[in-house]
Protein backbone atom coordinates (compact mmCIF):
# COMPACT_ATOMS: atom_id res chain seq x y z
CA UNK A 1 20.77 17.71 -1.60
CA UNK A 2 21.77 19.81 -4.58
CA UNK A 3 19.42 20.29 -7.22
CA UNK A 4 20.78 17.54 -9.32
CA UNK A 5 20.75 15.18 -6.70
CA UNK A 6 17.25 16.10 -5.91
CA UNK A 7 16.17 15.91 -8.98
CA UNK A 8 17.22 12.17 -9.42
CA UNK A 9 16.23 10.91 -6.35
CA UNK A 10 12.90 12.90 -6.17
CA UNK A 11 10.57 10.16 -8.56
CA UNK A 12 11.37 7.60 -4.91
CA UNK A 13 8.40 9.23 -3.30
CA UNK A 14 6.05 7.92 -6.55
CA UNK A 15 4.86 4.37 -7.19
CA UNK A 16 2.89 4.31 -10.41
CA UNK A 17 -0.06 2.31 -12.39
CA UNK A 18 0.91 1.71 -16.33
CA UNK A 19 -1.14 0.47 -19.20
CA UNK A 20 0.30 -2.97 -20.97
CA UNK A 21 2.02 -6.36 -19.62
CA UNK A 22 5.50 -4.43 -20.47
CA UNK A 23 6.64 -0.99 -18.77
CA UNK A 24 5.84 1.94 -21.29
CA UNK A 25 8.56 4.42 -22.87
CA UNK A 26 7.12 6.80 -20.99
CA UNK A 27 7.84 5.35 -17.32
CA UNK A 28 11.21 4.22 -18.19
CA UNK A 29 11.69 7.98 -19.08
CA UNK A 30 10.17 9.66 -16.09
CA UNK A 31 12.33 7.01 -14.09
CA UNK A 32 15.33 7.75 -16.07
CA UNK A 33 14.87 11.69 -14.82
CA UNK A 34 13.64 11.31 -11.35
CA UNK A 35 13.62 7.85 -10.16
CA UNK A 36 11.25 6.33 -9.38
CA UNK A 37 10.19 4.36 -5.91
CA UNK A 38 8.23 1.18 -7.96
CA UNK A 39 5.15 0.19 -9.98
CA UNK A 40 1.48 -1.32 -8.62
CA UNK A 41 0.34 -3.42 -10.40
CA UNK A 42 -3.47 -3.95 -11.54
CA UNK A 43 -5.54 -6.93 -13.95
CA UNK A 44 -4.85 -4.89 -16.57
CA UNK A 45 -0.85 -5.16 -16.24
CA UNK A 46 -0.98 -9.20 -15.93
CA UNK A 47 -1.39 -11.65 -18.31
CA UNK A 48 -0.12 -14.93 -17.08
CA UNK A 49 2.93 -15.55 -14.14
CA UNK A 50 5.62 -15.66 -16.38
CA UNK A 51 4.95 -12.32 -17.35
CA UNK A 52 4.41 -11.39 -14.36
CA UNK A 53 7.86 -12.08 -12.66
CA UNK A 54 9.73 -10.79 -16.06
CA UNK A 55 7.60 -7.73 -15.44
CA UNK A 56 8.66 -7.25 -11.82
CA UNK A 57 12.29 -7.66 -12.51
CA UNK A 58 11.82 -4.86 -14.98
CA UNK A 59 10.31 -2.85 -12.70
CA UNK A 60 12.57 -3.60 -9.82
CA UNK A 61 14.89 -2.37 -11.66
CA UNK A 62 14.19 0.44 -13.18
CA UNK A 63 16.27 2.82 -11.06
CA UNK A 64 19.42 1.85 -10.79
CA UNK A 65 20.58 3.27 -7.34
CA UNK A 66 17.88 2.43 -5.61
CA UNK A 67 15.52 -1.02 -5.88
CA UNK A 68 11.58 -0.37 -7.17
CA UNK A 69 9.00 -1.13 -5.18
CA UNK A 70 6.95 -4.33 -6.98
CA UNK A 71 3.71 -3.62 -5.35
CA UNK A 72 -0.04 -4.94 -5.46
CA UNK A 73 -3.54 -5.13 -3.73
CA UNK A 74 -3.40 -8.48 -3.23
CA UNK A 75 -6.29 -9.25 -0.12
CA UNK A 76 -8.21 -11.85 -1.02
CA UNK A 77 -12.27 -12.09 -1.61
CA UNK A 78 -13.04 -9.38 -4.56
CA UNK A 79 -9.97 -7.58 -4.16
CA UNK A 80 -7.34 -9.96 -5.87
CA UNK A 81 -5.23 -8.92 -9.39
CA UNK A 82 -3.67 -12.31 -9.37
CA UNK A 83 -6.06 -14.85 -10.10
CA UNK A 84 -5.51 -18.30 -10.75
CA UNK A 85 -2.57 -19.92 -11.37
CA UNK A 86 -2.17 -18.55 -8.66
CA UNK A 87 -4.14 -19.85 -4.81
CA UNK A 88 -7.62 -16.94 -5.24
CA UNK A 89 -8.65 -16.25 -1.03
CA UNK A 90 -11.55 -16.19 -0.19
CA UNK A 91 -12.22 -12.40 1.77
CA UNK A 92 -10.93 -11.23 4.85
CA UNK A 93 -13.92 -11.93 6.78
CA UNK A 94 -13.71 -15.17 6.81
CA UNK A 95 -10.45 -15.52 8.75
CA UNK A 96 -12.44 -13.34 11.34
CA UNK A 97 -15.50 -15.44 11.35
CA UNK A 98 -12.56 -18.56 12.42
CA UNK A 99 -11.12 -16.09 14.75
CA UNK A 100 -8.41 -18.41 14.26
CA UNK A 101 -4.56 -16.77 14.34
CA UNK A 102 -2.95 -19.83 13.07
CA UNK A 103 -4.90 -19.98 9.65
CA UNK A 104 -4.34 -16.07 9.36
CA UNK A 105 -0.49 -17.16 9.71
CA UNK A 106 -1.26 -20.37 7.04
CA UNK A 107 -2.90 -17.92 4.76
CA UNK A 108 -0.33 -15.08 5.12
CA UNK A 109 2.74 -17.76 4.30
CA UNK A 110 1.09 -19.19 1.48
CA UNK A 111 0.35 -15.37 -0.45
CA UNK A 112 3.99 -14.33 0.55
CA UNK A 113 5.35 -17.34 -1.13
CA UNK A 114 3.72 -16.86 -4.22
CA UNK A 115 4.19 -13.08 -4.42
CA UNK A 116 7.97 -13.28 -3.67
CA UNK A 117 7.40 -16.62 -6.71
CA UNK A 118 6.69 -13.44 -9.10
CA UNK A 119 8.36 -10.90 -7.54
CA UNK A 120 5.81 -8.73 -5.45
CA UNK A 121 7.55 -7.21 -2.38
CA UNK A 122 4.91 -4.91 -1.55
CA UNK A 123 1.36 -6.00 -0.95
CA UNK A 124 -0.91 -3.50 0.01
CA UNK A 125 -2.48 -5.92 3.29
CA UNK A 126 -3.90 -5.85 5.40
CA UNK A 127 -6.69 -4.15 5.02
CA UNK A 128 -7.39 -2.91 9.24
CA UNK A 129 -10.72 -1.04 9.11
CA UNK A 130 -13.10 -2.56 11.45
CA UNK A 131 -16.31 -3.59 9.77
CA UNK A 132 -18.94 -0.96 11.86
CA UNK A 133 -20.90 -0.26 9.36
CA UNK A 134 -22.90 -2.57 6.97
CA UNK A 135 -23.40 -0.52 4.63
CA UNK A 136 -19.78 1.02 3.81
CA UNK A 137 -19.88 0.25 -0.37
CA UNK A 138 -16.09 0.16 -0.26
CA UNK A 139 -14.51 -2.15 3.01
CA UNK A 140 -17.20 -4.98 3.85
CA UNK A 141 -16.04 -8.41 3.53
CA UNK A 142 -12.75 -6.63 2.82
CA UNK A 143 -12.13 -6.13 6.44
CA UNK A 144 -11.06 -8.58 9.15
CA UNK A 145 -14.03 -8.35 11.65
CA UNK A 146 -16.60 -6.42 13.41
CA UNK A 147 -14.48 -6.18 16.23
CA UNK A 148 -11.83 -4.09 16.92
CA UNK A 149 -9.61 -7.10 19.00
CA UNK A 150 -10.74 -9.48 16.26
CA UNK A 151 -9.38 -7.59 13.31
CA UNK A 152 -5.81 -6.01 15.91
CA UNK A 153 -4.93 -9.71 16.28
CA UNK A 154 -5.70 -11.01 13.25
CA UNK A 155 -3.88 -7.99 11.44
CA UNK A 156 -0.55 -8.53 13.34
CA UNK A 157 -0.06 -12.32 12.94
CA UNK A 158 -0.87 -10.93 9.16
CA UNK A 159 1.74 -8.43 9.38
CA UNK A 160 4.99 -10.33 11.28
CA UNK A 161 4.05 -13.87 8.57
CA UNK A 162 3.63 -12.49 5.31
CA UNK A 163 6.73 -9.86 6.26
CA UNK A 164 9.05 -13.34 7.92
CA UNK A 165 8.31 -14.54 4.61
CA UNK A 166 10.10 -11.26 2.89
CA UNK A 167 7.40 -8.82 1.18
CA UNK A 168 6.51 -5.66 2.82
CA UNK A 169 3.17 -5.54 4.51
CA UNK A 170 0.96 -2.01 4.34
CA UNK A 171 -1.56 -2.07 6.51
CA UNK A 172 -4.84 0.35 5.51
CA UNK A 173 -6.57 2.66 5.75
CA UNK A 174 -5.42 5.18 8.67
CA UNK A 175 -7.04 6.26 10.74
CA UNK A 176 -9.90 4.11 9.18
CA UNK A 177 -12.47 3.60 6.77
CA UNK A 178 -14.32 0.64 8.00
CA UNK A 179 -17.18 3.29 9.56
CA UNK A 180 -18.35 5.03 6.07
CA UNK A 181 -21.00 4.98 3.83
CA UNK A 182 -19.42 6.77 0.41
CA UNK A 183 -16.91 4.82 -1.55
CA UNK A 184 -13.95 7.53 -1.81
CA UNK A 185 -12.84 6.02 -5.12
CA UNK A 186 -16.24 8.51 -5.91
CA UNK A 187 -15.86 11.00 -3.25
CA UNK A 188 -14.83 12.19 -0.14
CA UNK A 189 -16.59 9.97 3.02
CA UNK A 190 -17.25 12.11 6.34
CA UNK A 191 -16.59 10.00 9.58
CA UNK A 192 -18.38 11.91 12.57
CA UNK A 193 -16.53 10.10 15.38
CA UNK A 194 -15.30 11.59 18.04
CA UNK A 195 -11.90 11.79 18.99
CA UNK A 196 -11.84 9.26 21.93
CA UNK A 197 -14.12 6.52 20.08
CA UNK A 198 -11.25 7.01 17.24
CA UNK A 199 -8.69 6.16 19.53
CA UNK A 200 -10.49 3.08 21.33
CA UNK A 201 -11.88 1.80 18.66
CA UNK A 202 -10.33 2.74 15.26
CA UNK A 203 -6.47 2.89 16.02
CA UNK A 204 -6.38 -0.35 17.76
CA UNK A 205 -5.37 -2.85 14.81
CA UNK A 206 -3.27 0.33 13.12
CA UNK A 207 -1.37 0.04 17.19
CA UNK A 208 -0.97 -3.84 16.75
CA UNK A 209 0.52 -3.80 13.52
CA UNK A 210 2.62 -1.34 14.49
CA UNK A 211 3.73 -3.22 17.32
CA UNK A 212 4.31 -6.54 15.00
CA UNK A 213 6.58 -3.85 12.78
CA UNK A 214 4.85 -3.51 9.43
CA UNK A 215 6.63 -1.95 7.04
CA UNK A 216 4.28 0.47 5.66
CA UNK A 217 0.43 1.99 6.60
CA UNK A 218 -1.58 3.41 3.95
CA UNK A 219 -4.17 6.66 4.57
CA UNK A 220 -7.72 6.81 4.04
CA UNK A 221 -8.78 9.58 1.82
CA UNK A 222 -11.65 10.43 4.50
CA UNK A 223 -12.73 13.34 6.28
CA UNK A 224 -12.69 13.48 10.17
CA UNK A 225 -13.56 16.84 10.83
CA UNK A 226 -12.88 15.67 15.31
CA UNK A 227 -8.85 15.46 14.10
CA UNK A 228 -8.95 18.07 11.53
CA UNK A 229 -11.65 20.62 9.98
CA UNK A 230 -9.91 21.29 6.94
CA UNK A 231 -8.39 18.57 5.49
CA UNK A 232 -8.88 15.20 3.92
CA UNK A 233 -6.76 12.28 6.44
CA UNK A 234 -4.26 12.06 3.76
CA UNK A 235 -3.53 15.25 2.98
CA UNK A 236 -3.60 16.04 7.84
CA UNK A 237 -0.17 16.92 8.90
CA UNK A 238 -2.61 16.74 12.25
CA UNK A 239 -3.48 13.16 11.23
CA UNK A 240 -0.34 11.57 9.40
CA UNK A 241 2.42 13.69 11.52
CA UNK A 242 0.15 14.03 14.73
CA UNK A 243 -1.48 11.29 15.46
CA UNK A 244 0.27 8.51 12.97
CA UNK A 245 4.05 9.07 13.40
CA UNK A 246 4.39 11.41 17.15
CA UNK A 247 1.22 10.00 19.31
CA UNK A 248 1.55 5.88 17.22
CA UNK A 249 4.88 6.28 17.59
CA UNK A 250 5.02 5.10 13.65
CA UNK A 251 8.82 5.16 12.50
CA UNK A 252 7.99 2.88 8.84
CA UNK A 253 6.56 4.45 5.34
CA UNK A 254 3.81 6.36 5.41
CA UNK A 255 1.98 5.77 1.62
CA UNK A 256 -0.75 7.66 0.35
CA UNK A 257 -3.81 5.84 -1.73
CA UNK A 258 -4.22 7.19 -4.92
CA UNK A 259 -4.38 10.43 -6.12
CA UNK A 260 -6.24 10.43 -8.41
CA UNK A 261 -9.30 9.12 -6.59
CA UNK A 262 -12.11 11.18 -6.79
CA UNK A 263 -12.46 11.84 -2.74
CA UNK A 264 -9.25 13.72 -3.11
CA UNK A 265 -9.34 14.26 -7.48
CA UNK A 266 -12.70 16.19 -7.64
CA UNK A 267 -11.44 18.81 -5.48
CA UNK A 268 -7.84 19.31 -5.51
CA UNK A 269 -4.99 18.66 -8.98
CA UNK A 270 -3.02 16.01 -8.38
CA UNK A 271 0.31 17.73 -8.25
CA UNK A 272 -1.47 19.64 -5.21
CA UNK A 273 -2.38 16.78 -3.48
CA UNK A 274 1.42 15.20 -4.59
CA UNK A 275 2.49 18.45 -2.44
CA UNK A 276 0.10 18.35 0.39
CA UNK A 277 0.48 14.52 0.91
CA UNK A 278 4.13 15.11 1.28
CA UNK A 279 3.72 18.17 3.72
CA UNK A 280 1.34 16.52 5.43
CA UNK A 281 3.71 13.33 6.41
CA UNK A 282 3.55 10.54 4.17
CA UNK A 283 6.39 9.20 2.09
CA UNK A 284 5.41 8.29 -1.01
CA UNK A 285 2.67 8.99 -2.91
CA UNK A 286 0.60 6.62 -5.28
CA UNK A 287 -0.72 7.54 -8.93
CA UNK A 288 -2.51 5.00 -10.50
CA UNK A 289 -4.07 5.13 -13.79
CA UNK A 290 -0.98 4.67 -15.78
CA UNK A 291 -1.48 8.77 -16.78
CA UNK A 292 2.52 9.99 -16.76
CA UNK A 293 1.80 13.20 -17.82
CA UNK A 294 -0.14 13.45 -14.15
CA UNK A 295 2.63 11.16 -12.21
CA UNK A 296 5.82 13.98 -14.38
CA UNK A 297 3.43 16.64 -13.26
CA UNK A 298 3.01 15.38 -9.54
CA UNK A 299 7.25 14.88 -9.73
CA UNK A 300 7.72 18.10 -10.98
CA UNK A 301 5.55 19.74 -8.48
CA UNK A 302 7.54 18.45 -5.71
CA UNK A 303 10.70 19.62 -7.24
CA UNK A 304 9.40 23.38 -7.28
CA UNK A 305 8.14 23.05 -3.44
CA UNK A 306 11.54 22.43 -2.48
CA UNK A 307 13.15 24.95 -4.48
CA UNK A 308 11.14 27.45 -3.02
CA UNK A 309 10.71 26.31 0.50
CA UNK A 310 13.63 24.70 2.76
CA UNK A 311 11.63 23.16 5.33
CA UNK A 312 10.08 21.13 2.29
CA UNK A 313 12.81 20.16 1.16
CA UNK A 314 14.04 18.52 5.09
CA UNK A 315 10.56 16.74 4.49
CA UNK A 316 11.34 15.27 1.62
CA UNK A 317 14.76 14.17 3.22
CA UNK A 318 12.90 12.53 5.76
CA UNK A 319 10.92 10.77 3.28
CA UNK A 320 13.70 9.46 1.25
CA UNK A 321 15.37 8.03 4.54
CA UNK A 322 12.40 6.50 5.14
CA UNK A 323 11.73 5.02 1.94
CA UNK A 324 15.83 4.11 1.75
CA UNK A 325 15.62 1.40 4.98
CA UNK A 326 12.62 -0.04 4.44
CA UNK A 327 14.07 -1.06 1.19
CA UNK A 328 17.52 -2.20 2.39
CA UNK A 329 15.39 -4.40 4.99
CA UNK A 330 12.96 -6.17 1.98
CA UNK A 331 15.12 -5.62 -1.10
CA UNK A 332 18.78 -6.48 -0.46
CA UNK A 333 18.05 -9.90 -1.62
CA UNK A 334 14.76 -9.74 -3.84
CA UNK A 335 15.52 -6.79 -6.39
CA UNK A 336 18.80 -8.71 -7.79
CA UNK A 337 16.34 -12.20 -8.30
CA UNK A 338 16.05 -13.33 -11.91
CA UNK A 339 13.03 -13.95 -12.32
CA UNK A 340 12.05 -18.15 -12.07
CA UNK A 341 11.09 -20.37 -14.65
CA UNK A 342 8.15 -21.88 -15.76
CA UNK A 343 8.41 -25.07 -14.53
CA UNK A 344 9.83 -22.94 -10.61
CA UNK A 345 6.47 -21.09 -10.99
CA UNK A 346 4.02 -24.55 -11.35
CA UNK A 347 5.64 -25.58 -8.66
CA UNK A 348 4.50 -22.83 -6.42
CA UNK A 349 1.58 -21.07 -7.53
CA UNK A 350 -1.92 -22.86 -6.49
CA UNK A 351 0.09 -25.66 -4.95
CA UNK A 352 -1.94 -28.42 -2.69
CA UNK A 353 -0.75 -27.02 0.58
CA UNK A 354 -1.94 -23.85 -0.32
CA UNK A 355 -5.45 -24.90 -1.57
CA UNK A 356 -6.27 -26.91 0.77
CA UNK A 357 -5.39 -23.27 3.46
CA UNK A 358 -7.72 -20.93 0.90
CA UNK A 359 -10.35 -24.16 1.58
CA UNK A 360 -10.37 -24.00 5.47
CA UNK A 361 -10.84 -20.74 4.99
CA UNK A 362 -13.72 -20.65 2.69
CA UNK A 363 -15.24 -23.18 4.84
CA UNK A 364 -16.15 -19.76 7.35
CA UNK A 365 -17.96 -17.78 4.09
């Protein structure tokens, strides 16, 4: 890869958060110089369905030679960026209590329909963590269930149907964030389980999602000494490459959780974490706050590392290839589609059939 080609592509490894309801000039500039993997939407970016559709169209077309992901955390319950007139979904624990795979499929089909209507092409869902610790401050009712088999069955159903309807799914948080007592947004959680238990329980839903063809898997910022005594999972080659890529055989896109979360950022600069995450085996990194300077510094750090290390250059080329394959699978038609008009959006969003599904889920609250 030539140095010029590299600078124009390496931004594909970044999925960026930003501030405001339109694309900042600084992010456009970053994309012109390095390319960009895509954007992630938060509540701060959302004003109305028509505005989201226009914004998604802009994000998708930021880098002309490779469409950008338009991504969001739209799980249901307390983690849902898109509010009414979108359907407002109950927490995923309701599906677990129902034990109803058909209901999970109805949910996923409706969710995908509404996401596609406003141009969202990647959803950071389903949560594949198992809710085994009632004191967990960050997962809780975001998890589908307390039993690995239930999470595996329902999670795989959600993956299949989301993707059948054209939205890439991203299972999270590998290798499991369910049995923690601290929140990785604020500090690094410790998991002290032996490898045998992790393989038998925590990994079961991820195996099922991989078998279902999940496009992406997100890493967890957790510390598991039994798997790696030195590195958090996101930055661990043993966990990301050795366990997820090689042992479980996942061939899709591995995405880091937000590198600005305190679990990592309290000890490491964001550019250092970006390099370590890609080196560990991640194919894309999330930098979500909207700090364009931090995002640019991370991309520059990746460029510098490639210039010094042929092995790292091969790792970057592999990551770029995996991103391109996933985008060819999901974005071939979506990225070029013009935004829907108001009338079309109003017909699709929050429609009666979707609300009935939400009501059926809420019966298990």
